[in-house]
Amino acid sequence: MHLGSRSPSDGHINQVPITGVAAIVLGISFVETTFATLAILLRIYAANTGASRLRWDFWCVVGATILGIPTEALFIMACKYGIGKHVHTIAFDQLWEALKYSWIGIFTGLVGTLIGKTAIVAILYQVATPTQWKRKAFLISIGGANITVGIIQLLLSITQCSPYQKLWYQLLPGTCERTVVAFKFGYFQGSVAVMTDFLLAIYPITIVWNLQASLKTKIGFCILMAGGVICAVAAIMRTHYTTILRSPKDPTYDLVTFLAWASTELWFVTIIASIPPLRPLFLRWHGATKSLVSRSGPSSKATHGSIPLQSWNGQGSTSKENILQSKNDSVQIMVTKSYEVDNGQGIV
């Protein structure tokens, strides 16, 4: 990295606009943050209305978001100080501040991503039955390996320089003797993250396909969880751009790409971990919409093969999802309330 004889900046940082590639990256990241936060709020709403329960995977998602929001704030400050701009256009004080906020954001984002992937493991773990101990052991092994490797990477990155401030303030007296070890291990950590994402994306196929559910339901669940492939792609790109952190030529300009992929990995993990638990809420809304449309339309006799639904006790939802099947017509119905099914020949 070339450091010219630039004088420190005297301008107030809050008056500095974020433009160019940094503005685009932060815009995309803001959308991801909004979706993740909205998903958490919907899960709280679903729990309050009885559509679902808050299990420990929810608290993992909350933990990831609690770390993710400050990470976004740190990335914004880094861009304010010059991330996304060429290094020769930035004053010394801005350069060091930009690198400092970037590194701290990388650390908090890494921890948030580890917690977010634990939420996905928790969701899949809860699907396994008590007798499927091999599946549970497999999931625990994946989650444990990902967390262990991630923590080691975090410690190596923080302690690679002595004093640690030299990591971003390169003119500070000291040494960075463990930089090579930290970056080599970074490739290994990235590989483990990619493997974890792919395994968690493929794993649902092995459990859903044997369940007594409709093909549409099976495919839908697999597609939702297969969103982890996006996380894997983000992890691949993040690992690829790790080389920039080792020997940057234009750190403030090149680093923005690394931060973009790291942020995408964090937020997509959080979003994907929130979507499956929201399915009962979406089913309830969909059922309410269909009921409203049915009531507003003209009344008519049920056509051949149709099955009228009658409320079990007339007191609304029991917050329990049931699958009811007609014996004669072999029609499977997914509902979010308790119902009796009357096919004209008595209650099924």
Protein backbone atom coordinates (compact mmCIF):
# COMPACT_ATOMS: atom_id res chain seq x y z
CA MET A 1 0.00 0.00 0.00
CA HIS A 2 1.39 3.38 -1.01
CA LEU A 3 1.20 6.15 1.58
CA GLY A 4 1.81 9.57 0.16
CA SER A 5 2.54 12.78 2.04
CA ARG A 6 -1.09 13.66 2.62
CA SER A 7 -2.15 15.91 5.46
CA PRO A 8 -4.84 14.88 7.92
CA SER A 9 -8.42 15.76 7.11
CA ASP A 10 -10.05 18.63 8.95
CA GLY A 11 -13.61 18.11 7.70
CA HIS A 12 -16.43 16.73 9.83
CA ILE A 13 -17.06 13.12 8.88
CA ASN A 14 -20.86 13.40 9.10
CA GLN A 15 -20.78 15.88 6.22
CA VAL A 16 -18.98 13.44 3.93
CA PRO A 17 -21.39 11.85 1.41
CA ILE A 18 -21.21 8.15 0.55
CA THR A 19 -21.03 7.78 -3.21
CA GLY A 20 -19.95 5.34 -5.91
CA VAL A 21 -19.60 1.64 -5.27
CA ALA A 22 -19.85 2.10 -1.49
CA ALA A 23 -23.31 3.62 -1.85
CA ILE A 24 -24.47 0.68 -3.98
CA VAL A 25 -23.11 -1.88 -1.52
CA LEU A 26 -24.68 -0.15 1.47
CA GLY A 27 -27.99 0.13 -0.38
CA ILE A 28 -28.09 -3.61 -1.04
CA SER A 29 -27.02 -4.32 2.51
CA PHE A 30 -29.75 -2.03 3.87
CA VAL A 31 -32.39 -4.01 1.95
CA GLU A 32 -31.04 -7.28 3.36
CA THR A 33 -31.06 -5.83 6.88
CA THR A 34 -34.66 -4.67 6.45
CA PHE A 35 -35.85 -8.10 5.30
CA ALA A 36 -34.06 -9.85 8.18
CA THR A 37 -35.52 -7.46 10.77
CA LEU A 38 -39.00 -7.79 9.25
CA ALA A 39 -38.74 -11.59 9.43
CA ILE A 40 -37.96 -11.41 13.16
CA LEU A 41 -40.91 -9.07 13.79
CA LEU A 42 -43.20 -11.45 11.88
CA ARG A 43 -42.02 -14.36 14.01
CA ILE A 44 -42.84 -12.41 17.16
CA TYR A 45 -46.26 -11.58 15.72
CA ALA A 46 -46.83 -15.23 14.80
CA ALA A 47 -45.98 -16.30 18.34
CA ASN A 48 -48.39 -13.75 19.82
CA THR A 49 -51.22 -14.90 17.55
CA GLY A 50 -50.62 -18.59 18.21
CA ALA A 51 -49.50 -19.42 14.67
CA SER A 52 -46.12 -20.66 15.88
CA ARG A 53 -43.84 -20.81 18.90
CA LEU A 54 -40.54 -19.14 19.67
CA ARG A 55 -37.98 -21.91 19.92
CA TRP A 56 -34.28 -21.60 20.57
CA ASP A 57 -33.51 -21.21 16.86
CA PHE A 58 -35.38 -17.89 17.12
CA TRP A 59 -33.04 -16.63 19.81
CA CYS A 60 -30.06 -17.56 17.64
CA VAL A 61 -31.56 -15.44 14.86
CA VAL A 62 -32.08 -12.58 17.31
CA GLY A 63 -28.46 -12.88 18.45
CA ALA A 64 -27.23 -12.79 14.85
CA THR A 65 -29.33 -9.70 14.17
CA ILE A 66 -28.15 -7.96 17.33
CA LEU A 67 -24.60 -8.36 16.04
CA GLY A 68 -25.56 -7.70 12.43
CA ILE A 69 -27.06 -4.25 12.97
CA PRO A 70 -23.91 -2.83 14.66
CA THR A 71 -21.89 -4.48 11.89
CA GLU A 72 -23.86 -2.48 9.33
CA ALA A 73 -23.30 0.68 11.37
CA LEU A 74 -19.56 0.00 11.42
CA PHE A 75 -19.52 -0.56 7.65
CA ILE A 76 -21.36 2.74 7.17
CA MET A 77 -18.74 4.53 9.25
CA ALA A 78 -15.99 2.79 7.29
CA CYS A 79 -17.50 4.06 4.04
CA LYS A 80 -17.83 7.54 5.53
CA TYR A 81 -14.09 7.54 6.19
CA GLY A 82 -13.17 6.29 2.74
CA ILE A 83 -13.96 2.62 2.09
CA GLY A 84 -14.95 2.42 -1.57
CA LYS A 85 -12.61 5.26 -2.54
CA HIS A 86 -9.08 4.99 -3.87
CA VAL A 87 -6.46 5.20 -1.16
CA HIS A 88 -4.58 8.10 -2.76
CA THR A 89 -7.63 10.33 -2.30
CA ILE A 90 -7.92 9.75 1.45
CA ALA A 91 -6.11 11.59 4.24
CA PHE A 92 -4.12 9.69 6.86
CA ASP A 93 -6.65 10.07 9.65
CA GLN A 94 -9.47 8.93 7.39
CA LEU A 95 -7.47 5.94 6.16
CA TRP A 96 -6.78 4.55 9.62
CA GLU A 97 -10.34 5.17 10.77
CA ALA A 98 -11.75 3.47 7.67
CA LEU A 99 -9.61 0.39 8.25
CA LYS A 100 -10.41 0.34 11.96
CA TYR A 101 -14.18 0.35 11.46
CA SER A 102 -13.83 -2.24 8.71
CA TRP A 103 -11.87 -4.67 10.85
CA ILE A 104 -14.17 -4.32 13.86
CA GLY A 105 -17.16 -4.85 11.57
CA ILE A 106 -15.54 -7.97 10.12
CA PHE A 107 -15.11 -9.40 13.63
CA THR A 108 -18.69 -8.71 14.76
CA GLY A 109 -20.06 -9.91 11.43
CA LEU A 110 -18.17 -13.20 11.70
CA VAL A 111 -19.66 -13.92 15.11
CA GLY A 112 -23.12 -12.98 13.87
CA THR A 113 -22.79 -15.34 10.91
CA LEU A 114 -21.72 -18.21 13.16
CA ILE A 115 -24.76 -17.69 15.38
CA GLY A 116 -27.06 -17.40 12.36
CA LYS A 117 -25.91 -20.73 10.93
CA THR A 118 -26.49 -22.28 14.33
CA ALA A 119 -30.14 -21.23 13.97
CA ILE A 120 -30.43 -23.21 10.72
CA VAL A 121 -28.89 -26.24 12.42
CA ALA A 122 -31.41 -25.84 15.24
CA ILE A 123 -34.36 -25.81 12.83
CA LEU A 124 -33.23 -29.02 11.14
CA TYR A 125 -32.42 -30.60 14.51
CA GLN A 126 -36.00 -30.05 15.69
CA VAL A 127 -37.37 -31.82 12.60
CA ALA A 128 -35.51 -35.03 13.48
CA THR A 129 -37.39 -37.54 15.61
CA PRO A 130 -36.04 -38.75 18.98
CA THR A 131 -35.00 -42.07 17.40
CA GLN A 132 -32.96 -40.42 14.63
CA TRP A 133 -29.89 -39.95 16.80
CA LYS A 134 -27.51 -40.31 13.84
CA ARG A 135 -29.12 -37.35 12.11
CA LYS A 136 -28.92 -35.30 15.28
CA ALA A 137 -25.27 -36.22 15.78
CA PHE A 138 -24.57 -35.24 12.17
CA LEU A 139 -26.17 -31.82 12.63
CA ILE A 140 -24.37 -31.22 15.92
CA SER A 141 -21.07 -32.15 14.27
CA ILE A 142 -21.64 -29.72 11.41
CA GLY A 143 -22.67 -26.88 13.69
CA GLY A 144 -19.92 -27.57 16.20
CA ALA A 145 -17.19 -27.72 13.55
CA ASN A 146 -18.37 -24.46 11.98
CA ILE A 147 -18.43 -22.64 15.32
CA THR A 148 -15.07 -24.04 16.46
CA VAL A 149 -13.25 -23.13 13.26
CA GLY A 150 -14.90 -19.71 13.23
CA ILE A 151 -13.84 -18.90 16.79
CA ILE A 152 -10.26 -19.96 16.05
CA GLN A 153 -10.27 -17.71 12.99
CA LEU A 154 -11.59 -14.81 15.07
CA LEU A 155 -8.85 -15.22 17.69
CA LEU A 156 -6.10 -15.54 15.08
CA SER A 157 -7.31 -12.43 13.27
CA ILE A 158 -7.52 -10.31 16.42
CA THR A 159 -4.10 -11.38 17.73
CA GLN A 160 -2.15 -11.40 14.45
CA CYS A 161 -0.56 -8.04 15.31
CA SER A 162 1.00 -6.80 18.51
CA PRO A 163 -0.36 -4.40 19.59
CA TYR A 164 -3.70 -5.28 17.97
CA GLN A 165 -4.21 -1.65 16.84
CA LYS A 166 -1.43 -2.14 14.32
CA LEU A 167 -3.89 -4.26 12.35
CA TRP A 168 -5.38 -1.05 10.96
CA TYR A 169 -2.82 1.61 12.02
CA GLN A 170 0.25 0.37 10.17
CA LEU A 171 2.55 3.20 11.27
CA LEU A 172 2.19 2.14 14.90
CA PRO A 173 5.35 0.51 16.34
CA GLY A 174 4.97 -3.24 16.69
CA THR A 175 4.91 -6.47 14.71
CA CYS A 176 2.41 -8.63 12.80
CA GLU A 177 4.19 -11.97 12.96
CA ARG A 178 1.03 -14.09 12.84
CA THR A 179 -0.49 -12.52 9.75
CA VAL A 180 0.47 -15.40 7.44
CA VAL A 181 -1.00 -17.97 9.83
CA ALA A 182 -4.21 -15.97 10.21
CA PHE A 183 -4.77 -15.62 6.48
CA LYS A 184 -3.92 -19.23 5.65
CA PHE A 185 -6.35 -20.37 8.31
CA GLY A 186 -8.84 -17.92 6.82
CA TYR A 187 -8.95 -20.01 3.65
CA PHE A 188 -9.64 -23.10 5.74
CA GLN A 189 -12.37 -21.32 7.68
CA GLY A 190 -13.94 -20.16 4.43
CA SER A 191 -13.89 -23.71 3.09
CA VAL A 192 -15.59 -25.02 6.22
CA ALA A 193 -18.22 -22.28 5.94
CA VAL A 194 -18.93 -23.21 2.31
CA MET A 195 -19.17 -26.91 3.14
CA THR A 196 -21.53 -26.13 6.04
CA ASP A 197 -23.81 -24.04 3.83
CA PHE A 198 -24.02 -26.71 1.13
CA LEU A 199 -24.66 -29.53 3.61
CA LEU A 200 -27.39 -27.55 5.38
CA ALA A 201 -28.96 -26.73 2.01
CA ILE A 202 -29.01 -30.35 0.82
CA TYR A 203 -29.87 -31.98 4.15
CA PRO A 204 -33.63 -31.13 4.12
CA ILE A 205 -34.11 -33.29 1.02
CA THR A 206 -33.08 -36.38 2.99
CA ILE A 207 -35.72 -35.85 5.68
CA VAL A 208 -38.66 -34.25 3.88
CA TRP A 209 -38.85 -36.77 1.06
CA ASN A 210 -39.79 -39.56 3.44
CA LEU A 211 -42.53 -37.61 5.23
CA GLN A 212 -46.24 -38.08 4.55
CA ALA A 213 -46.76 -34.70 2.93
CA SER A 214 -47.79 -33.49 -0.49
CA LEU A 215 -45.18 -33.20 -3.21
CA LYS A 216 -45.81 -29.45 -3.34
CA THR A 217 -45.08 -29.13 0.38
CA LYS A 218 -41.90 -31.18 0.09
CA ILE A 219 -40.58 -29.18 -2.86
CA GLY A 220 -41.48 -25.89 -1.20
CA PHE A 221 -39.62 -26.72 2.01
CA CYS A 222 -36.56 -27.91 0.10
CA ILE A 223 -36.50 -24.72 -1.98
CA LEU A 224 -36.74 -22.57 1.13
CA MET A 225 -33.86 -24.31 2.86
CA ALA A 226 -31.85 -24.55 -0.38
CA GLY A 227 -31.49 -20.79 -0.13
CA GLY A 228 -28.40 -21.72 1.85
CA VAL A 229 -26.68 -22.12 -1.52
CA ILE A 230 -26.70 -18.31 -1.72
CA CYS A 231 -24.88 -18.25 1.61
CA ALA A 232 -22.36 -20.72 0.20
CA VAL A 233 -21.75 -18.51 -2.84
CA ALA A 234 -21.27 -15.51 -0.55
CA ALA A 235 -18.81 -17.50 1.57
CA ILE A 236 -16.88 -18.52 -1.55
CA MET A 237 -16.59 -14.91 -2.71
CA ARG A 238 -15.68 -13.72 0.78
CA THR A 239 -12.91 -16.30 0.98
CA HIS A 240 -11.67 -15.35 -2.47
CA TYR A 241 -11.39 -11.68 -1.53
CA THR A 242 -9.57 -12.53 1.69
CA THR A 243 -6.36 -12.07 -0.32
CA ILE A 244 -7.06 -8.34 -0.35
CA LEU A 245 -6.72 -8.14 3.42
CA ARG A 246 -3.31 -9.79 3.38
CA SER A 247 -1.38 -7.52 1.01
CA PRO A 248 -3.68 -4.75 -0.22
CA LYS A 249 -2.49 -2.36 -2.91
CA ASP A 250 -5.56 -0.15 -2.74
CA PRO A 251 -7.20 -1.33 0.51
CA THR A 252 -9.96 1.23 0.85
CA TYR A 253 -11.23 0.60 -2.69
CA ASP A 254 -10.74 -3.17 -2.84
CA LEU A 255 -12.00 -3.89 0.67
CA VAL A 256 -15.56 -2.82 -0.13
CA THR A 257 -16.13 -5.98 -2.21
CA PHE A 258 -15.07 -8.20 0.68
CA LEU A 259 -17.38 -6.33 3.05
CA ALA A 260 -20.27 -6.66 0.60
CA TRP A 261 -20.01 -10.45 0.42
CA ALA A 262 -19.47 -10.79 4.17
CA SER A 263 -22.60 -8.73 4.81
CA THR A 264 -24.63 -10.75 2.29
CA GLU A 265 -23.57 -14.01 3.92
CA LEU A 266 -24.61 -12.73 7.35
CA TRP A 267 -28.05 -11.45 6.35
CA PHE A 268 -29.02 -14.31 4.06
CA VAL A 269 -28.22 -16.78 6.83
CA THR A 270 -30.51 -14.79 9.13
CA ILE A 271 -33.31 -14.55 6.56
CA ILE A 272 -33.20 -18.22 5.58
CA ALA A 273 -33.29 -19.27 9.23
CA SER A 274 -36.48 -17.23 9.69
CA ILE A 275 -38.54 -18.30 6.67
CA PRO A 276 -39.50 -21.93 7.54
CA PRO A 277 -40.88 -21.06 11.02
CA LEU A 278 -43.10 -18.41 9.38
CA ARG A 279 -44.88 -20.96 7.18
CA PRO A 280 -47.81 -21.52 9.62
CA LEU A 281 -48.42 -17.76 9.70
CA PHE A 282 -48.45 -17.54 5.91
CA LEU A 283 -50.81 -20.54 5.73
CA ARG A 284 -53.14 -18.83 8.19
CA TRP A 285 -53.15 -15.63 6.15
CA HIS A 286 -53.70 -17.60 2.95
CA GLY A 287 -56.57 -19.50 4.54
CA ALA A 288 -58.15 -16.30 5.81
CA THR A 289 -57.91 -14.74 2.35
CA LYS A 290 -59.54 -17.76 0.70
CA SER A 291 -62.29 -17.76 3.32
CA LEU A 292 -62.98 -14.06 2.72
CA VAL A 293 -63.17 -14.56 -1.04
CA SER A 294 -65.45 -17.58 -0.61
CA ARG A 295 -67.85 -15.65 1.63
CA SER A 296 -68.01 -12.66 -0.71
CA GLY A 297 -68.85 -14.84 -3.75
CA PRO A 298 -72.24 -16.30 -4.69
CA SER A 299 -73.38 -19.34 -2.73
CA SER A 300 -73.77 -22.58 -4.63
CA LYS A 301 -73.82 -26.30 -4.11
CA ALA A 302 -70.54 -28.02 -3.66
CA THR A 303 -69.26 -29.51 -6.86
CA HIS A 304 -68.31 -33.15 -7.22
CA GLY A 305 -65.27 -34.00 -5.19
CA SER A 306 -65.39 -30.88 -3.02
CA ILE A 307 -65.29 -31.24 0.75
CA PRO A 308 -67.07 -28.66 2.94
CA LEU A 309 -65.20 -27.63 6.10
CA GLN A 310 -66.98 -27.05 9.40
CA SER A 311 -65.43 -25.48 12.48
CA TRP A 312 -64.70 -27.96 15.27
CA ASN A 313 -66.16 -25.82 18.04
CA GLY A 314 -66.85 -22.44 16.46
CA GLN A 315 -64.31 -20.74 18.70
CA GLY A 316 -61.58 -20.05 16.19
CA SER A 317 -58.08 -21.37 15.80
CA THR A 318 -56.54 -23.83 18.17
CA SER A 319 -53.07 -22.83 16.89
CA LYS A 320 -52.53 -26.43 15.96
CA GLU A 321 -51.82 -27.40 12.37
CA ASN A 322 -53.58 -30.57 11.24
CA ILE A 323 -53.63 -32.60 8.06
CA LEU A 324 -57.10 -33.97 7.35
CA GLN A 325 -57.77 -36.47 4.63
CA SER A 326 -61.06 -37.63 3.12
CA LYS A 327 -61.31 -41.42 3.12
CA ASN A 328 -63.40 -41.64 -0.05
CA ASP A 329 -62.00 -38.82 -2.18
CA SER A 330 -58.35 -39.11 -1.06
CA VAL A 331 -58.03 -35.34 -0.84
CA GLN A 332 -55.40 -33.96 1.49
CA ILE A 333 -56.09 -30.60 3.09
CA MET A 334 -53.60 -28.47 5.01
CA VAL A 335 -55.26 -26.13 7.49
CA THR A 336 -54.21 -24.09 10.49
CA LYS A 337 -57.35 -24.71 12.54
CA SER A 338 -59.08 -27.81 13.88
CA TYR A 339 -61.79 -28.91 11.46
CA GLU A 340 -64.23 -31.74 10.80
CA VAL A 341 -64.46 -32.89 7.21
CA ASP A 342 -67.97 -33.78 6.00
CA ASN A 343 -68.12 -35.58 2.65
CA GLY A 344 -71.89 -36.10 2.79
CA GLN A 345 -71.60 -39.54 4.36
CA GLY A 346 -70.79 -38.53 7.89
CA ILE A 347 -67.84 -37.01 9.69
CA VAL A 348 -64.39 -38.27 8.68
